[in-house]
């Protein structure tokens, strides 16, 4: 009656934000494989000791194609992140991994590097990510069919065998995630204490990395004043 509605509006805003975290949103889209109408589910998820991410999953009833993708719920971090895990035990395969679309992966023992953008954004376990890498390599068109040679096929099988040994805990290796945007995460099983097998480094991005992220041409301050005379 007194016109004091500020607290009520703030409460509604807080409740709506909380509802968004608990609710699974659904919208219509088309299947990336057969282009048939499909539904995409989207949910905001808080990762402990990290940040919020958006998980999107699409299931097609026509062809059975399934896809999931992870988008960072926050802005690009001021610094890049390089995460190194020394895999020493089979239990390391159960660690949660958030690989953003800007993150590259490296396994020095296998002389393997997965470039930025490959596999897209994923929120899975370390075992799941390594298996996805194995499937991606195995489906490489240059190692299959007419493009393959006996030497390439032999090297491919050798690589997949070593990767399988790492997944099964029979071989030790280093797993490195390098994300210039700083939006990737590898679970610390000792949190909030330090993990002796996990090393997280923050670094300043190079000009080339900022260029790849589109930050060099991005202007967030003073753009209104520059655009005013041209109106």
C-alpha atoms as a PDB file:
ATOM      1  CA  UNK A   1       0.000   0.000   0.000  1.00  0.00           C
ATOM      2  CA  UNK A   2       2.947   2.335   0.637  1.00  0.00           C
ATOM      3  CA  UNK A   3       4.473   1.592  -2.756  1.00  0.00           C
ATOM      4  CA  UNK A   4       7.527  -0.133  -1.306  1.00  0.00           C
ATOM      5  CA  UNK A   5       8.108  -2.915  -3.823  1.00  0.00           C
ATOM      6  CA  UNK A   6      11.908  -3.011  -3.969  1.00  0.00           C
ATOM      7  CA  UNK A   7      12.429  -5.978  -1.660  1.00  0.00           C
ATOM      8  CA  UNK A   8       9.710  -8.005  -3.350  1.00  0.00           C
ATOM      9  CA  UNK A   9      11.230  -7.447  -6.796  1.00  0.00           C
ATOM     10  CA  UNK A  10      14.684  -8.470  -5.549  1.00  0.00           C
ATOM     11  CA  UNK A  11      13.223 -11.591  -3.982  1.00  0.00           C
ATOM     12  CA  UNK A  12      11.522 -12.545  -7.226  1.00  0.00           C
ATOM     13  CA  UNK A  13      14.753 -11.999  -9.148  1.00  0.00           C
ATOM     14  CA  UNK A  14      16.648 -14.220  -6.714  1.00  0.00           C
ATOM     15  CA  UNK A  15      13.986 -16.893  -6.924  1.00  0.00           C
ATOM     16  CA  UNK A  16      13.959 -16.810 -10.727  1.00  0.00           C
ATOM     17  CA  UNK A  17      17.745 -17.266 -10.813  1.00  0.00           C
ATOM     18  CA  UNK A  18      17.464 -20.221  -8.428  1.00  0.00           C
ATOM     19  CA  UNK A  19      14.627 -21.723 -10.501  1.00  0.00           C
ATOM     20  CA  UNK A  20      16.825 -21.479 -13.606  1.00  0.00           C
ATOM     21  CA  UNK A  21      19.509 -23.575 -11.875  1.00  0.00           C
ATOM     22  CA  UNK A  22      16.988 -26.261 -10.925  1.00  0.00           C
ATOM     23  CA  UNK A  23      14.967 -26.284 -14.142  1.00  0.00           C
ATOM     24  CA  UNK A  24      15.748 -28.130 -17.383  1.00  0.00           C
ATOM     25  CA  UNK A  25      14.822 -25.873 -20.306  1.00  0.00           C
ATOM     26  CA  UNK A  26      13.755 -27.393 -23.616  1.00  0.00           C
ATOM     27  CA  UNK A  27      13.538 -25.808 -27.051  1.00  0.00           C
ATOM     28  CA  UNK A  28      12.938 -27.032 -30.592  1.00  0.00           C
ATOM     29  CA  UNK A  29      15.807 -27.503 -33.017  1.00  0.00           C
ATOM     30  CA  UNK A  30      16.882 -29.716 -35.922  1.00  0.00           C
ATOM     31  CA  UNK A  31      19.024 -32.834 -35.783  1.00  0.00           C
ATOM     32  CA  UNK A  32      22.599 -32.101 -37.009  1.00  0.00           C
ATOM     33  CA  UNK A  33      22.656 -35.508 -38.740  1.00  0.00           C
ATOM     34  CA  UNK A  34      19.283 -35.946 -40.503  1.00  0.00           C
ATOM     35  CA  UNK A  35      17.809 -32.425 -40.058  1.00  0.00           C
ATOM     36  CA  UNK A  36      14.606 -33.851 -38.554  1.00  0.00           C
ATOM     37  CA  UNK A  37      12.832 -31.829 -35.830  1.00  0.00           C
ATOM     38  CA  UNK A  38      14.334 -32.603 -32.418  1.00  0.00           C
ATOM     39  CA  UNK A  39      14.427 -31.255 -28.883  1.00  0.00           C
ATOM     40  CA  UNK A  40      17.440 -29.793 -27.102  1.00  0.00           C
ATOM     41  CA  UNK A  41      17.588 -29.820 -23.307  1.00  0.00           C
ATOM     42  CA  UNK A  42      19.576 -27.117 -21.523  1.00  0.00           C
ATOM     43  CA  UNK A  43      20.524 -26.838 -17.848  1.00  0.00           C
ATOM     44  CA  UNK A  44      22.664 -24.517 -15.746  1.00  0.00           C
ATOM     45  CA  UNK A  45      25.030 -26.551 -13.544  1.00  0.00           C
ATOM     46  CA  UNK A  46      27.325 -25.347 -10.762  1.00  0.00           C
ATOM     47  CA  UNK A  47      30.641 -27.237 -10.757  1.00  0.00           C
ATOM     48  CA  UNK A  48      32.103 -27.396  -7.210  1.00  0.00           C
ATOM     49  CA  UNK A  49      35.218 -25.242  -6.686  1.00  0.00           C
ATOM     50  CA  UNK A  50      34.869 -23.825 -10.216  1.00  0.00           C
ATOM     51  CA  UNK A  51      32.000 -21.987 -11.905  1.00  0.00           C
ATOM     52  CA  UNK A  52      28.617 -22.373 -13.569  1.00  0.00           C
ATOM     53  CA  UNK A  53      28.368 -24.038 -16.976  1.00  0.00           C
ATOM     54  CA  UNK A  54      25.522 -24.640 -19.415  1.00  0.00           C
ATOM     55  CA  UNK A  55      25.019 -28.246 -20.510  1.00  0.00           C
ATOM     56  CA  UNK A  56      23.064 -28.786 -23.743  1.00  0.00           C
ATOM     57  CA  UNK A  57      21.934 -32.220 -24.976  1.00  0.00           C
ATOM     58  CA  UNK A  58      20.093 -33.072 -28.206  1.00  0.00           C
ATOM     59  CA  UNK A  59      18.355 -36.414 -28.834  1.00  0.00           C
ATOM     60  CA  UNK A  60      16.852 -37.261 -32.232  1.00  0.00           C
ATOM     61  CA  UNK A  61      13.938 -39.712 -32.284  1.00  0.00           C
ATOM     62  CA  UNK A  62      14.219 -40.152 -36.060  1.00  0.00           C
ATOM     63  CA  UNK A  63      17.826 -41.357 -36.470  1.00  0.00           C
ATOM     64  CA  UNK A  64      18.821 -41.885 -32.840  1.00  0.00           C
ATOM     65  CA  UNK A  65      21.671 -39.352 -32.995  1.00  0.00           C
ATOM     66  CA  UNK A  66      22.728 -37.957 -29.625  1.00  0.00           C
ATOM     67  CA  UNK A  67      24.979 -35.029 -28.929  1.00  0.00           C
ATOM     68  CA  UNK A  68      25.928 -33.031 -25.859  1.00  0.00           C
ATOM     69  CA  UNK A  69      27.803 -29.782 -25.556  1.00  0.00           C
ATOM     70  CA  UNK A  70      29.069 -27.622 -22.710  1.00  0.00           C
ATOM     71  CA  UNK A  71      29.225 -23.835 -22.766  1.00  0.00           C
ATOM     72  CA  UNK A  72      30.890 -21.723 -20.120  1.00  0.00           C
ATOM     73  CA  UNK A  73      28.398 -19.793 -18.026  1.00  0.00           C
ATOM     74  CA  UNK A  74      30.880 -16.970 -17.368  1.00  0.00           C
ATOM     75  CA  UNK A  75      33.181 -14.588 -19.169  1.00  0.00           C
ATOM     76  CA  UNK A  76      36.667 -15.289 -20.516  1.00  0.00           C
ATOM     77  CA  UNK A  77      39.117 -15.292 -17.620  1.00  0.00           C
ATOM     78  CA  UNK A  78      41.839 -12.591 -17.404  1.00  0.00           C
ATOM     79  CA  UNK A  79      44.515 -15.292 -17.741  1.00  0.00           C
ATOM     80  CA  UNK A  80      44.861 -18.609 -19.530  1.00  0.00           C
ATOM     81  CA  UNK A  81      45.005 -21.900 -17.636  1.00  0.00           C
ATOM     82  CA  UNK A  82      47.345 -24.855 -18.096  1.00  0.00           C
ATOM     83  CA  UNK A  83      46.361 -27.953 -16.104  1.00  0.00           C
ATOM     84  CA  UNK A  84      48.740 -30.914 -15.793  1.00  0.00           C
ATOM     85  CA  UNK A  85      47.698 -34.204 -14.222  1.00  0.00           C
ATOM     86  CA  UNK A  86      50.135 -37.039 -13.633  1.00  0.00           C
ATOM     87  CA  UNK A  87      48.067 -40.200 -14.105  1.00  0.00           C
ATOM     88  CA  UNK A  88      49.392 -42.719 -11.591  1.00  0.00           C
ATOM     89  CA  UNK A  89      46.345 -44.730 -10.521  1.00  0.00           C
ATOM     90  CA  UNK A  90      43.227 -46.189 -12.198  1.00  0.00           C
ATOM     91  CA  UNK A  91      41.096 -44.059  -9.847  1.00  0.00           C
ATOM     92  CA  UNK A  92      42.300 -40.973 -11.760  1.00  0.00           C
ATOM     93  CA  UNK A  93      39.954 -42.038 -14.574  1.00  0.00           C
ATOM     94  CA  UNK A  94      36.944 -41.081 -12.408  1.00  0.00           C
ATOM     95  CA  UNK A  95      37.978 -37.430 -12.082  1.00  0.00           C
ATOM     96  CA  UNK A  96      35.491 -34.934 -13.524  1.00  0.00           C
ATOM     97  CA  UNK A  97      36.746 -32.989 -16.534  1.00  0.00           C
ATOM     98  CA  UNK A  98      35.348 -29.839 -18.102  1.00  0.00           C
ATOM     99  CA  UNK A  99      36.947 -29.271 -21.487  1.00  0.00           C
ATOM    100  CA  UNK A 100      35.801 -26.029 -23.084  1.00  0.00           C
ATOM    101  CA  UNK A 101      35.703 -25.503 -26.840  1.00  0.00           C
ATOM    102  CA  UNK A 102      38.844 -23.336 -26.568  1.00  0.00           C
ATOM    103  CA  UNK A 103      40.909 -25.996 -24.771  1.00  0.00           C
ATOM    104  CA  UNK A 104      43.650 -28.131 -26.332  1.00  0.00           C
ATOM    105  CA  UNK A 105      44.752 -31.499 -24.902  1.00  0.00           C
ATOM    106  CA  UNK A 106      48.217 -33.028 -24.887  1.00  0.00           C
ATOM    107  CA  UNK A 107      49.607 -36.423 -23.838  1.00  0.00           C
ATOM    108  CA  UNK A 108      53.424 -36.166 -24.163  1.00  0.00           C
ATOM    109  CA  UNK A 109      54.053 -39.891 -23.669  1.00  0.00           C
ATOM    110  CA  UNK A 110      51.978 -40.632 -26.794  1.00  0.00           C
ATOM    111  CA  UNK A 111      53.286 -37.591 -28.703  1.00  0.00           C
ATOM    112  CA  UNK A 112      49.637 -36.630 -29.098  1.00  0.00           C
ATOM    113  CA  UNK A 113      48.021 -33.204 -29.216  1.00  0.00           C
ATOM    114  CA  UNK A 114      44.351 -32.385 -29.741  1.00  0.00           C
ATOM    115  CA  UNK A 115      43.866 -28.872 -31.072  1.00  0.00           C
ATOM    116  CA  UNK A 116      41.499 -26.191 -29.862  1.00  0.00           C
ATOM    117  CA  UNK A 117      37.950 -26.757 -31.090  1.00  0.00           C
ATOM    118  CA  UNK A 118      38.242 -30.535 -31.573  1.00  0.00           C
ATOM    119  CA  UNK A 119      35.509 -32.511 -29.766  1.00  0.00           C
ATOM    120  CA  UNK A 120      33.876 -29.200 -28.756  1.00  0.00           C
ATOM    121  CA  UNK A 121      32.974 -28.510 -25.133  1.00  0.00           C
ATOM    122  CA  UNK A 122      32.560 -31.558 -22.900  1.00  0.00           C
ATOM    123  CA  UNK A 123      31.770 -32.254 -19.255  1.00  0.00           C
ATOM    124  CA  UNK A 124      32.646 -35.854 -18.540  1.00  0.00           C
ATOM    125  CA  UNK A 125      35.172 -38.013 -16.665  1.00  0.00           C
ATOM    126  CA  UNK A 126      38.813 -38.371 -17.646  1.00  0.00           C
ATOM    127  CA  UNK A 127      38.053 -41.896 -18.832  1.00  0.00           C
ATOM    128  CA  UNK A 128      35.176 -40.631 -20.980  1.00  0.00           C
ATOM    129  CA  UNK A 129      37.325 -37.919 -22.549  1.00  0.00           C
ATOM    130  CA  UNK A 130      40.169 -40.332 -23.339  1.00  0.00           C
ATOM    131  CA  UNK A 131      37.710 -42.760 -24.950  1.00  0.00           C
ATOM    132  CA  UNK A 132      36.262 -39.905 -27.034  1.00  0.00           C
ATOM    133  CA  UNK A 133      39.810 -39.054 -28.152  1.00  0.00           C
ATOM    134  CA  UNK A 134      40.380 -42.694 -29.121  1.00  0.00           C
ATOM    135  CA  UNK A 135      37.173 -42.777 -31.175  1.00  0.00           C
ATOM    136  CA  UNK A 136      38.088 -39.484 -32.873  1.00  0.00           C
ATOM    137  CA  UNK A 137      41.518 -40.802 -33.880  1.00  0.00           C
ATOM    138  CA  UNK A 138      40.102 -44.148 -34.999  1.00  0.00           C
ATOM    139  CA  UNK A 139      37.568 -42.428 -37.281  1.00  0.00           C
ATOM    140  CA  UNK A 140      40.233 -40.256 -38.913  1.00  0.00           C
ATOM    141  CA  UNK A 141      39.631 -40.539 -42.716  1.00  0.00           C
ATOM    142  CA  UNK A 142      43.390 -40.547 -43.382  1.00  0.00           C
ATOM    143  CA  UNK A 143      43.751 -43.824 -41.481  1.00  0.00           C
ATOM    144  CA  UNK A 144      40.759 -45.594 -43.008  1.00  0.00           C
ATOM    145  CA  UNK A 145      39.776 -46.944 -46.426  1.00  0.00           C
ATOM    146  CA  UNK A 146      41.712 -46.008 -49.550  1.00  0.00           C
ATOM    147  CA  UNK A 147      43.651 -43.278 -47.750  1.00  0.00           C
ATOM    148  CA  UNK A 148      45.264 -45.710 -45.317  1.00  0.00           C
ATOM    149  CA  UNK A 149      48.558 -47.539 -45.699  1.00  0.00           C
ATOM    150  CA  UNK A 150      49.913 -50.517 -43.734  1.00  0.00           C
ATOM    151  CA  UNK A 151      52.355 -48.249 -41.870  1.00  0.00           C
ATOM    152  CA  UNK A 152      49.597 -45.792 -40.903  1.00  0.00           C
ATOM    153  CA  UNK A 153      47.327 -48.601 -39.761  1.00  0.00           C
ATOM    154  CA  UNK A 154      50.117 -50.103 -37.666  1.00  0.00           C
ATOM    155  CA  UNK A 155      50.889 -46.767 -35.997  1.00  0.00           C
ATOM    156  CA  UNK A 156      47.196 -46.200 -35.353  1.00  0.00           C
ATOM    157  CA  UNK A 157      46.786 -49.571 -33.637  1.00  0.00           C
ATOM    158  CA  UNK A 158      49.923 -48.946 -31.592  1.00  0.00           C
ATOM    159  CA  UNK A 159      48.597 -45.560 -30.463  1.00  0.00           C
ATOM    160  CA  UNK A 160      45.161 -46.950 -29.576  1.00  0.00           C
ATOM    161  CA  UNK A 161      46.809 -49.785 -27.638  1.00  0.00           C
ATOM    162  CA  UNK A 162      48.891 -47.361 -25.552  1.00  0.00           C
ATOM    163  CA  UNK A 163      45.864 -45.140 -24.975  1.00  0.00           C
ATOM    164  CA  UNK A 164      43.875 -48.188 -23.836  1.00  0.00           C
ATOM    165  CA  UNK A 165      46.641 -49.057 -21.354  1.00  0.00           C
ATOM    166  CA  UNK A 166      46.417 -45.555 -19.868  1.00  0.00           C
ATOM    167  CA  UNK A 167      42.627 -45.805 -19.527  1.00  0.00           C
ATOM    168  CA  UNK A 168      42.939 -49.221 -17.850  1.00  0.00           C
ATOM    169  CA  UNK A 169      45.570 -47.917 -15.426  1.00  0.00           C
ATOM    170  CA  UNK A 170      48.359 -50.128 -16.826  1.00  0.00           C
ATOM    171  CA  UNK A 171      50.525 -47.187 -17.928  1.00  0.00           C
ATOM    172  CA  UNK A 172      51.401 -43.838 -16.366  1.00  0.00           C
ATOM    173  CA  UNK A 173      51.209 -40.637 -18.358  1.00  0.00           C
ATOM    174  CA  UNK A 174      50.784 -36.880 -18.155  1.00  0.00           C
ATOM    175  CA  UNK A 175      47.467 -35.359 -19.225  1.00  0.00           C
ATOM    176  CA  UNK A 176      47.729 -31.661 -20.095  1.00  0.00           C
ATOM    177  CA  UNK A 177      44.860 -29.234 -20.740  1.00  0.00           C
ATOM    178  CA  UNK A 178      45.757 -25.793 -22.094  1.00  0.00           C
ATOM    179  CA  UNK A 179      42.885 -23.317 -22.243  1.00  0.00           C
ATOM    180  CA  UNK A 180      43.713 -19.697 -23.181  1.00  0.00           C
ATOM    181  CA  UNK A 181      40.197 -18.666 -22.080  1.00  0.00           C
ATOM    182  CA  UNK A 182      40.681 -20.202 -18.616  1.00  0.00           C
ATOM    183  CA  UNK A 183      37.309 -21.965 -18.717  1.00  0.00           C
ATOM    184  CA  UNK A 184      38.450 -25.600 -18.365  1.00  0.00           C
ATOM    185  CA  UNK A 185      38.563 -27.654 -15.190  1.00  0.00           C
ATOM    186  CA  UNK A 186      40.012 -30.927 -13.895  1.00  0.00           C
ATOM    187  CA  UNK A 187      38.738 -32.205 -10.558  1.00  0.00           C
ATOM    188  CA  UNK A 188      40.958 -31.965  -7.505  1.00  0.00           C
ATOM    189  CA  UNK A 189      39.995 -35.058  -5.494  1.00  0.00           C
ATOM    190  CA  UNK A 190      41.736 -33.633  -2.406  1.00  0.00           C
ATOM    191  CA  UNK A 191      39.843 -30.298  -2.465  1.00  0.00           C
ATOM    192  CA  UNK A 192      40.076 -27.943  -0.674  1.00  0.00           C
ATOM    193  CA  UNK A 193      43.601 -29.277  -0.008  1.00  0.00           C
ATOM    194  CA  UNK A 194      46.242 -29.310  -2.750  1.00  0.00           C
ATOM    195  CA  UNK A 195      46.411 -32.312  -5.068  1.00  0.00           C
ATOM    196  CA  UNK A 196      49.985 -33.680  -5.312  1.00  0.00           C
ATOM    197  CA  UNK A 197      49.334 -35.071  -8.822  1.00  0.00           C
ATOM    198  CA  UNK A 198      47.603 -31.951 -10.176  1.00  0.00           C
ATOM    199  CA  UNK A 199      49.293 -28.732 -11.233  1.00  0.00           C
ATOM    200  CA  UNK A 200      47.347 -25.627 -12.277  1.00  0.00           C
ATOM    201  CA  UNK A 201      49.241 -22.744 -13.868  1.00  0.00           C
ATOM    202  CA  UNK A 202      47.913 -19.306 -14.806  1.00  0.00           C
ATOM    203  CA  UNK A 203      49.626 -17.452 -17.638  1.00  0.00           C
ATOM    204  CA  UNK A 204      49.326 -14.287 -19.707  1.00  0.00           C
ATOM    205  CA  UNK A 205      47.885 -14.910 -23.170  1.00  0.00           C
ATOM    206  CA  UNK A 206      49.938 -14.104 -26.246  1.00  0.00           C
ATOM    207  CA  UNK A 207      48.733 -11.739 -28.965  1.00  0.00           C
ATOM    208  CA  UNK A 208      47.998 -14.740 -31.202  1.00  0.00           C
ATOM    209  CA  UNK A 209      45.892 -16.407 -28.507  1.00  0.00           C
ATOM    210  CA  UNK A 210      43.914 -13.199 -27.949  1.00  0.00           C
ATOM    211  CA  UNK A 211      43.445 -12.999 -31.718  1.00  0.00           C
ATOM    212  CA  UNK A 212      42.044 -16.558 -31.812  1.00  0.00           C
ATOM    213  CA  UNK A 213      39.607 -15.648 -29.023  1.00  0.00           C
ATOM    214  CA  UNK A 214      38.573 -12.426 -30.787  1.00  0.00           C
ATOM    215  CA  UNK A 215      39.758 -10.240 -27.904  1.00  0.00           C
ATOM    216  CA  UNK A 216      42.125  -7.942 -29.811  1.00  0.00           C
ATOM    217  CA  UNK A 217      39.269  -6.275 -31.732  1.00  0.00           C
ATOM    218  CA  UNK A 218      36.859  -6.312 -28.798  1.00  0.00           C
ATOM    219  CA  UNK A 219      36.273  -2.886 -27.243  1.00  0.00           C
ATOM    220  CA  UNK A 220      34.218  -2.767 -24.044  1.00  0.00           C
ATOM    221  CA  UNK A 221      34.952   0.811 -22.925  1.00  0.00           C
ATOM    222  CA  UNK A 222      34.509   4.133 -24.707  1.00  0.00           C
ATOM    223  CA  UNK A 223      32.756   2.658 -27.767  1.00  0.00           C
ATOM    224  CA  UNK A 224      29.637   4.774 -27.170  1.00  0.00           C
ATOM    225  CA  UNK A 225      31.597   8.045 -27.313  1.00  0.00           C
ATOM    226  CA  UNK A 226      33.294   7.010 -30.561  1.00  0.00           C
ATOM    227  CA  UNK A 227      30.005   6.067 -32.217  1.00  0.00           C
ATOM    228  CA  UNK A 228      28.142   9.256 -31.195  1.00  0.00           C
ATOM    229  CA  UNK A 229      29.485  11.672 -33.910  1.00  0.00           C
ATOM    230  CA  UNK A 230      28.490   9.287 -36.687  1.00  0.00           C
ATOM    231  CA  UNK A 231      24.839   9.189 -35.685  1.00  0.00           C
END
